[in-house]
Amino acid sequence: MLQAEITIYDDQRSLGVAAAGRWLGLCEESIAERGAFHVALAGGSTPRQLYQLLSRAEMSPKVDWQHVYIYFGDERSVPCDHPDSNFRMATEALLDHVPIPRSNICRVETERGDMVEVASRYDSALMEMLPKADGGIPQFDLILLGIGPDGHTASLFPGTDILQQQKRFFDAVYVKQKATWRASITFPIINHARHVLFLVAGVDKRPVIQKIFSRSQHPPLLPVQMLKPAGRVEMYLDSDAAGEFKPD
């Protein structure tokens, strides 16, 4: 069973406000202790609300953007200006509105076309830019993640080869159920992050939340259940996603 500290909020708005406060606290802590804050962003509507809150006048000045480094947990095989691009969403919601140096933003260069090459280059960039945990594994201060109704997180989908990847920290994956290529962080780098924060909202997520934390689990495990993070794991749910679920 995935081990996580779970907090349930009344609605998606209050979840976003709490996530923004958590971001700020972790950012201040990381910069004070290590001189930088390295964070992997997630796509989707719930993270978008977080990014919009961080960009607002009452929040943005509290963030030391000069020492924040932005990465992406996964990306779709589309140009960076495509409506489905996680980079475009984060740019429109956050990055265009805060004084972060462009050199501090490490995007996935999907315009290169071949997602295997794209992922390989990003894997090398993570090795170069991120601080290292024990064993030389690149280490994020924070990874933001969501959970799909099928139990995927980032672009780690059920039944895909990337679930067995133990050597690369970012890899290409063909997602048969979506009939498309994607690129994603892998289990090893997620498991070595200092903090992992799941943001999960919406009634469509209720069944998967019930399954993830069921005491009677049967194989095959969902991708999110296969995670074994060494750092702190938190999960923020809104009441729609939580339903009748009550954390222990």
Protein backbone atom coordinates (compact mmCIF):
# COMPACT_ATOMS: atom_id res chain seq x y z
CA MET A 1 0.00 0.00 0.00
CA LEU A 2 1.24 3.50 -0.85
CA GLN A 3 2.26 5.26 2.37
CA ALA A 4 1.13 8.89 2.34
CA GLU A 5 0.04 11.62 4.72
CA ILE A 6 -3.48 12.36 3.50
CA THR A 7 -5.41 15.60 3.96
CA ILE A 8 -8.95 16.09 2.69
CA TYR A 9 -10.22 19.55 1.73
CA ASP A 10 -13.77 20.74 1.22
CA ASP A 11 -13.25 21.68 -2.41
CA GLN A 12 -10.63 22.12 -5.12
CA ARG A 13 -10.14 25.79 -4.28
CA SER A 14 -9.16 25.12 -0.66
CA LEU A 15 -6.92 22.27 -1.85
CA GLY A 16 -5.12 24.68 -4.18
CA VAL A 17 -4.65 27.26 -1.44
CA ALA A 18 -3.16 24.61 0.86
CA ALA A 19 -0.85 23.37 -1.91
CA ALA A 20 0.37 26.92 -2.56
CA GLY A 21 1.19 27.33 1.11
CA ARG A 22 3.01 23.99 1.13
CA TRP A 23 5.02 25.01 -1.97
CA LEU A 24 6.06 28.24 -0.28
CA GLY A 25 7.12 26.48 2.90
CA LEU A 26 9.16 23.83 1.09
CA CYS A 27 10.71 26.48 -1.16
CA GLU A 28 11.85 28.58 1.79
CA GLU A 29 13.19 25.52 3.59
CA SER A 30 15.09 24.20 0.57
CA ILE A 31 16.70 27.54 -0.28
CA ALA A 32 17.68 28.16 3.33
CA GLU A 33 19.23 24.70 3.72
CA ARG A 34 20.63 23.98 0.25
CA GLY A 35 20.58 27.26 -1.70
CA ALA A 36 18.02 26.21 -4.31
CA PHE A 37 14.55 24.70 -4.79
CA HIS A 38 14.32 22.06 -7.51
CA VAL A 39 10.72 21.16 -8.35
CA ALA A 40 9.07 18.96 -10.98
CA LEU A 41 5.71 20.27 -12.18
CA ALA A 42 2.66 18.20 -13.04
CA GLY A 43 0.07 18.81 -15.72
CA GLY A 44 -3.71 18.92 -15.31
CA SER A 45 -6.40 21.24 -14.00
CA THR A 46 -5.64 20.87 -10.29
CA PRO A 47 -1.95 21.87 -10.59
CA ARG A 48 -3.00 24.74 -12.90
CA GLN A 49 -4.94 26.28 -10.03
CA LEU A 50 -1.86 25.97 -7.80
CA TYR A 51 0.31 27.69 -10.42
CA GLN A 52 -2.20 30.51 -10.83
CA LEU A 53 -2.23 31.09 -7.08
CA LEU A 54 1.58 31.20 -6.96
CA SER A 55 1.61 33.81 -9.73
CA ARG A 56 -0.66 36.26 -7.91
CA ALA A 57 0.57 39.51 -6.42
CA GLU A 58 -0.01 38.39 -2.83
CA MET A 59 1.98 35.15 -3.25
CA SER A 60 4.66 35.62 -5.93
CA PRO A 61 6.80 38.16 -3.98
CA LYS A 62 7.14 35.62 -1.16
CA VAL A 63 8.97 33.22 -3.49
CA ASP A 64 12.69 33.66 -4.11
CA TRP A 65 12.34 32.92 -7.84
CA GLN A 66 16.04 33.50 -8.52
CA HIS A 67 16.77 30.25 -6.70
CA VAL A 68 13.82 28.18 -7.98
CA TYR A 69 14.51 25.61 -10.71
CA ILE A 70 11.58 24.27 -12.70
CA TYR A 71 11.38 20.87 -14.40
CA PHE A 72 8.55 18.78 -15.82
CA GLY A 73 7.49 15.39 -14.55
CA ASP A 74 6.16 14.36 -17.94
CA GLU A 75 5.33 15.73 -21.33
CA ARG A 76 3.16 14.86 -24.30
CA SER A 77 4.51 14.41 -27.83
CA VAL A 78 3.31 17.84 -28.98
CA PRO A 79 5.03 21.17 -29.73
CA CYS A 80 5.65 23.40 -26.71
CA ASP A 81 2.94 25.84 -27.86
CA HIS A 82 0.30 23.12 -28.35
CA PRO A 83 -2.81 23.30 -26.11
CA ASP A 84 -1.97 19.83 -24.72
CA SER A 85 1.59 20.79 -23.72
CA ASN A 86 2.32 20.74 -19.99
CA PHE A 87 4.99 23.37 -20.62
CA ARG A 88 2.47 25.69 -22.27
CA MET A 89 0.01 25.26 -19.41
CA ALA A 90 2.66 26.01 -16.78
CA THR A 91 3.93 28.97 -18.78
CA GLU A 92 0.50 30.53 -19.16
CA ALA A 93 -0.53 29.87 -15.57
CA LEU A 94 2.75 30.66 -13.80
CA LEU A 95 6.07 31.09 -15.57
CA ASP A 96 5.13 34.13 -17.68
CA HIS A 97 3.96 35.97 -14.56
CA VAL A 98 6.83 35.55 -12.12
CA PRO A 99 10.46 36.82 -12.18
CA ILE A 100 12.10 33.42 -12.63
CA PRO A 101 15.23 33.41 -14.82
CA ARG A 102 14.58 31.62 -18.11
CA SER A 103 17.78 29.65 -17.51
CA ASN A 104 16.13 28.15 -14.41
CA ILE A 105 13.42 26.47 -16.50
CA CYS A 106 14.32 23.07 -17.92
CA ARG A 107 11.67 22.09 -20.45
CA VAL A 108 11.31 18.89 -22.45
CA GLU A 109 12.38 19.67 -26.03
CA THR A 110 9.54 17.90 -27.81
CA GLU A 111 10.18 19.82 -31.02
CA ARG A 112 13.01 17.37 -31.70
CA GLY A 113 10.31 14.88 -32.66
CA ASP A 114 11.81 11.52 -31.69
CA MET A 115 10.56 11.04 -28.14
CA VAL A 116 13.25 8.46 -27.38
CA GLU A 117 15.92 11.05 -28.16
CA VAL A 118 13.93 13.77 -26.39
CA ALA A 119 13.70 11.69 -23.23
CA SER A 120 17.36 10.71 -23.37
CA ARG A 121 18.40 14.37 -23.55
CA TYR A 122 16.16 15.27 -20.64
CA ASP A 123 17.51 12.36 -18.61
CA SER A 124 21.00 13.79 -19.16
CA ALA A 125 19.80 17.28 -18.20
CA LEU A 126 18.40 15.98 -14.91
CA MET A 127 21.72 14.30 -14.17
CA GLU A 128 23.56 17.53 -14.89
CA MET A 129 21.30 20.04 -13.11
CA LEU A 130 19.89 18.28 -10.07
CA PRO A 131 21.73 17.73 -6.78
CA LYS A 132 22.48 14.10 -6.02
CA ALA A 133 21.13 11.77 -3.37
CA ASP A 134 23.13 8.87 -1.98
CA GLY A 135 24.30 6.68 -4.82
CA GLY A 136 24.50 9.59 -7.25
CA ILE A 137 20.79 9.58 -8.08
CA PRO A 138 19.44 13.04 -9.03
CA GLN A 139 17.15 14.38 -6.31
CA PHE A 140 14.22 16.77 -6.53
CA ASP A 141 13.23 18.84 -3.53
CA LEU A 142 9.60 18.44 -4.59
CA ILE A 143 7.77 16.40 -7.21
CA LEU A 144 4.15 17.33 -7.88
CA LEU A 145 2.01 14.45 -9.11
CA GLY A 146 -1.58 13.69 -9.96
CA ILE A 147 -3.41 10.39 -10.25
CA GLY A 148 -5.47 9.33 -13.25
CA PRO A 149 -8.69 7.31 -12.99
CA ASP A 150 -6.68 4.29 -14.21
CA GLY A 151 -4.07 4.69 -11.48
CA HIS A 152 -1.36 6.29 -13.63
CA THR A 153 0.83 9.07 -12.29
CA ALA A 154 3.07 11.33 -14.41
CA SER A 155 3.02 9.24 -17.64
CA LEU A 156 3.50 5.93 -15.87
CA PHE A 157 0.48 4.08 -17.28
CA PRO A 158 -0.68 0.55 -16.49
CA GLY A 159 0.90 -2.10 -18.68
CA THR A 160 3.66 0.09 -20.14
CA ASP A 161 7.33 -0.83 -20.38
CA ILE A 162 8.45 2.26 -18.46
CA LEU A 163 7.17 0.69 -15.24
CA GLN A 164 10.20 -1.65 -15.36
CA GLN A 165 12.72 1.13 -16.04
CA GLN A 166 15.34 1.18 -13.27
CA LYS A 167 18.34 2.78 -15.01
CA ARG A 168 16.97 5.93 -16.62
CA PHE A 169 15.37 8.74 -14.62
CA PHE A 170 13.37 10.10 -17.55
CA ASP A 171 12.27 7.89 -20.41
CA ALA A 172 10.02 7.69 -23.45
CA VAL A 173 6.92 5.53 -23.31
CA TYR A 174 4.35 4.51 -25.89
CA VAL A 175 0.94 4.61 -24.24
CA LYS A 176 -1.19 2.17 -26.19
CA GLN A 177 -4.45 3.24 -24.60
CA LYS A 178 -3.77 6.82 -25.72
CA ALA A 179 -2.19 5.77 -29.07
CA THR A 180 0.67 8.20 -28.53
CA TRP A 181 4.20 8.63 -27.22
CA ARG A 182 4.97 10.47 -24.02
CA ALA A 183 8.05 11.09 -21.89
CA SER A 184 8.12 10.79 -18.11
CA ILE A 185 10.10 10.64 -14.92
CA THR A 186 10.51 7.08 -13.68
CA PHE A 187 10.15 5.28 -10.38
CA PRO A 188 13.82 5.62 -9.31
CA ILE A 189 13.84 9.43 -9.36
CA ILE A 190 10.39 9.70 -7.77
CA ASN A 191 11.44 7.31 -5.01
CA HIS A 192 14.51 9.43 -4.21
CA ALA A 193 12.75 12.82 -4.06
CA ARG A 194 12.83 14.70 -0.77
CA HIS A 195 9.09 15.42 -1.02
CA VAL A 196 6.29 14.07 -3.20
CA LEU A 197 2.96 15.89 -3.21
CA PHE A 198 -0.10 14.39 -4.91
CA LEU A 199 -2.93 16.75 -5.84
CA VAL A 200 -6.15 14.83 -6.56
CA ALA A 201 -9.55 16.40 -7.19
CA GLY A 202 -12.82 15.44 -8.81
CA VAL A 203 -15.47 12.77 -8.39
CA ASP A 204 -13.98 10.77 -11.29
CA LYS A 205 -10.98 10.03 -9.03
CA ARG A 206 -13.09 8.54 -6.23
CA PRO A 207 -12.95 4.89 -7.40
CA VAL A 208 -9.17 4.90 -7.86
CA ILE A 209 -8.60 6.49 -4.44
CA GLN A 210 -10.71 3.74 -2.88
CA LYS A 211 -8.69 1.11 -4.73
CA ILE A 212 -5.27 2.59 -3.93
CA PHE A 213 -5.91 2.48 -0.20
CA SER A 214 -7.94 -0.71 -0.06
CA ARG A 215 -6.66 -3.18 2.51
CA SER A 216 -7.46 -6.09 0.18
CA GLN A 217 -5.12 -5.44 -2.73
CA HIS A 218 -4.65 -7.91 -5.55
CA PRO A 219 -2.14 -7.89 -8.41
CA PRO A 220 -1.53 -6.30 -10.76
CA LEU A 221 -0.83 -3.18 -8.75
CA LEU A 222 -1.69 0.21 -10.18
CA PRO A 223 1.37 2.29 -11.15
CA VAL A 224 0.85 4.68 -8.24
CA GLN A 225 0.78 1.69 -5.86
CA MET A 226 4.20 0.60 -7.12
CA LEU A 227 5.90 3.73 -5.78
CA LYS A 228 8.22 3.31 -2.80
CA PRO A 229 9.32 6.86 -1.96
CA ALA A 230 12.06 7.30 0.61
CA GLY A 231 11.12 10.94 1.24
CA ARG A 232 7.98 12.47 2.66
CA VAL A 233 4.79 11.75 0.70
CA GLU A 234 1.68 13.89 1.06
CA MET A 235 -1.64 13.60 -0.73
CA TYR A 236 -4.17 16.41 -0.88
CA LEU A 237 -7.68 15.28 -1.83
CA ASP A 238 -10.80 17.32 -2.31
CA SER A 239 -14.04 15.94 -0.87
CA ASP A 240 -15.23 14.82 -4.31
CA ALA A 241 -12.18 12.61 -4.81
CA ALA A 242 -12.23 11.33 -1.22
CA GLY A 243 -15.89 10.37 -1.11
CA GLU A 244 -16.40 8.12 1.91
CA PHE A 245 -12.68 7.41 2.24
CA LYS A 246 -11.23 8.33 5.62
CA PRO A 247 -7.44 8.22 6.18
CA ASP A 248 -6.20 6.25 9.17
